[in-house]
Amino acid sequence: MKTVEDYPSEDMYGTEIQKGDIYYIFGESVVLESNLDDYLTEHLKGEMLLAK
């Protein structure tokens, strides 16, 4: 994981990115780790599953 000093102020969901947060870049989309599940299901048509 690369550490950067110049990072976006918020992700595509409007959530503020603060020092120490982990975020992902998918093309032009910036997604905070806490919003990753939403992004994967909404934009990449991923399916969230729970193993029993």
C-alpha atoms as a PDB file:
ATOM      1  CA  MET A   1       0.000   0.000   0.000  1.00  0.00           C
ATOM      2  CA  LYS A   2       1.348   3.393  -0.995  1.00  0.00           C
ATOM      3  CA  THR A   3       1.107   6.349   1.427  1.00  0.00           C
ATOM      4  CA  VAL A   4       0.295   9.724  -0.153  1.00  0.00           C
ATOM      5  CA  GLU A   5       0.160  13.253   1.240  1.00  0.00           C
ATOM      6  CA  ASP A   6      -1.978  14.739  -1.544  1.00  0.00           C
ATOM      7  CA  TYR A   7      -5.287  12.856  -1.485  1.00  0.00           C
ATOM      8  CA  PRO A   8      -8.891  13.653  -2.515  1.00  0.00           C
ATOM      9  CA  SER A   9     -11.067  15.445   0.035  1.00  0.00           C
ATOM     10  CA  GLU A  10     -14.021  13.061  -0.425  1.00  0.00           C
ATOM     11  CA  ASP A  11     -15.031   9.905  -2.239  1.00  0.00           C
ATOM     12  CA  MET A  12     -17.749   9.492  -4.869  1.00  0.00           C
ATOM     13  CA  TYR A  13     -20.357   9.039  -2.113  1.00  0.00           C
ATOM     14  CA  GLY A  14     -19.494  12.394  -0.542  1.00  0.00           C
ATOM     15  CA  THR A  15     -17.734  10.860   2.458  1.00  0.00           C
ATOM     16  CA  GLU A  16     -14.799  12.946   3.675  1.00  0.00           C
ATOM     17  CA  ILE A  17     -11.395  11.281   3.343  1.00  0.00           C
ATOM     18  CA  GLN A  18      -9.259  11.946   6.403  1.00  0.00           C
ATOM     19  CA  LYS A  19      -5.618  11.307   7.215  1.00  0.00           C
ATOM     20  CA  GLY A  20      -5.125   7.573   7.807  1.00  0.00           C
ATOM     21  CA  ASP A  21      -8.163   6.482   5.762  1.00  0.00           C
ATOM     22  CA  ILE A  22      -7.780   3.819   3.096  1.00  0.00           C
ATOM     23  CA  TYR A  23      -9.335   4.573  -0.280  1.00  0.00           C
ATOM     24  CA  TYR A  24      -9.369   2.942  -3.707  1.00  0.00           C
ATOM     25  CA  ILE A  25      -9.272   4.427  -7.190  1.00  0.00           C
ATOM     26  CA  PHE A  26     -11.261   2.749  -9.981  1.00  0.00           C
ATOM     27  CA  GLY A  27     -10.654   4.785 -13.128  1.00  0.00           C
ATOM     28  CA  GLU A  28     -12.141   8.194 -12.256  1.00  0.00           C
ATOM     29  CA  SER A  29     -13.937   6.923  -9.128  1.00  0.00           C
ATOM     30  CA  VAL A  30     -12.487   7.385  -5.638  1.00  0.00           C
ATOM     31  CA  VAL A  31     -14.034   5.034  -3.062  1.00  0.00           C
ATOM     32  CA  LEU A  32     -13.373   5.053   0.674  1.00  0.00           C
ATOM     33  CA  GLU A  33     -12.824   1.594   2.165  1.00  0.00           C
ATOM     34  CA  SER A  34     -16.023   1.925   4.238  1.00  0.00           C
ATOM     35  CA  ASN A  35     -18.009   2.425   0.994  1.00  0.00           C
ATOM     36  CA  LEU A  36     -16.313  -0.347  -0.973  1.00  0.00           C
ATOM     37  CA  ASP A  37     -19.169  -2.865  -0.555  1.00  0.00           C
ATOM     38  CA  ASP A  38     -21.650  -0.346  -1.977  1.00  0.00           C
ATOM     39  CA  TYR A  39     -19.400   0.458  -4.922  1.00  0.00           C
ATOM     40  CA  LEU A  40     -18.776  -3.183  -5.790  1.00  0.00           C
ATOM     41  CA  THR A  41     -22.472  -4.084  -5.745  1.00  0.00           C
ATOM     42  CA  GLU A  42     -23.780  -0.904  -7.434  1.00  0.00           C
ATOM     43  CA  HIS A  43     -21.147  -0.264 -10.091  1.00  0.00           C
ATOM     44  CA  LEU A  44     -19.410  -3.583 -10.716  1.00  0.00           C
ATOM     45  CA  LYS A  45     -22.526  -5.745 -10.189  1.00  0.00           C
ATOM     46  CA  GLY A  46     -20.755  -7.712  -7.479  1.00  0.00           C
ATOM     47  CA  GLU A  47     -22.779  -9.894  -5.136  1.00  0.00           C
ATOM     48  CA  MET A  48     -22.154  -9.829  -1.396  1.00  0.00           C
ATOM     49  CA  LEU A  49     -22.383 -13.297   0.165  1.00  0.00           C
ATOM     50  CA  LEU A  50     -22.102 -14.648   3.701  1.00  0.00           C
ATOM     51  CA  ALA A  51     -20.681 -18.137   4.193  1.00  0.00           C
ATOM     52  CA  LYS A  52     -22.527 -20.251   6.774  1.00  0.00           C
END
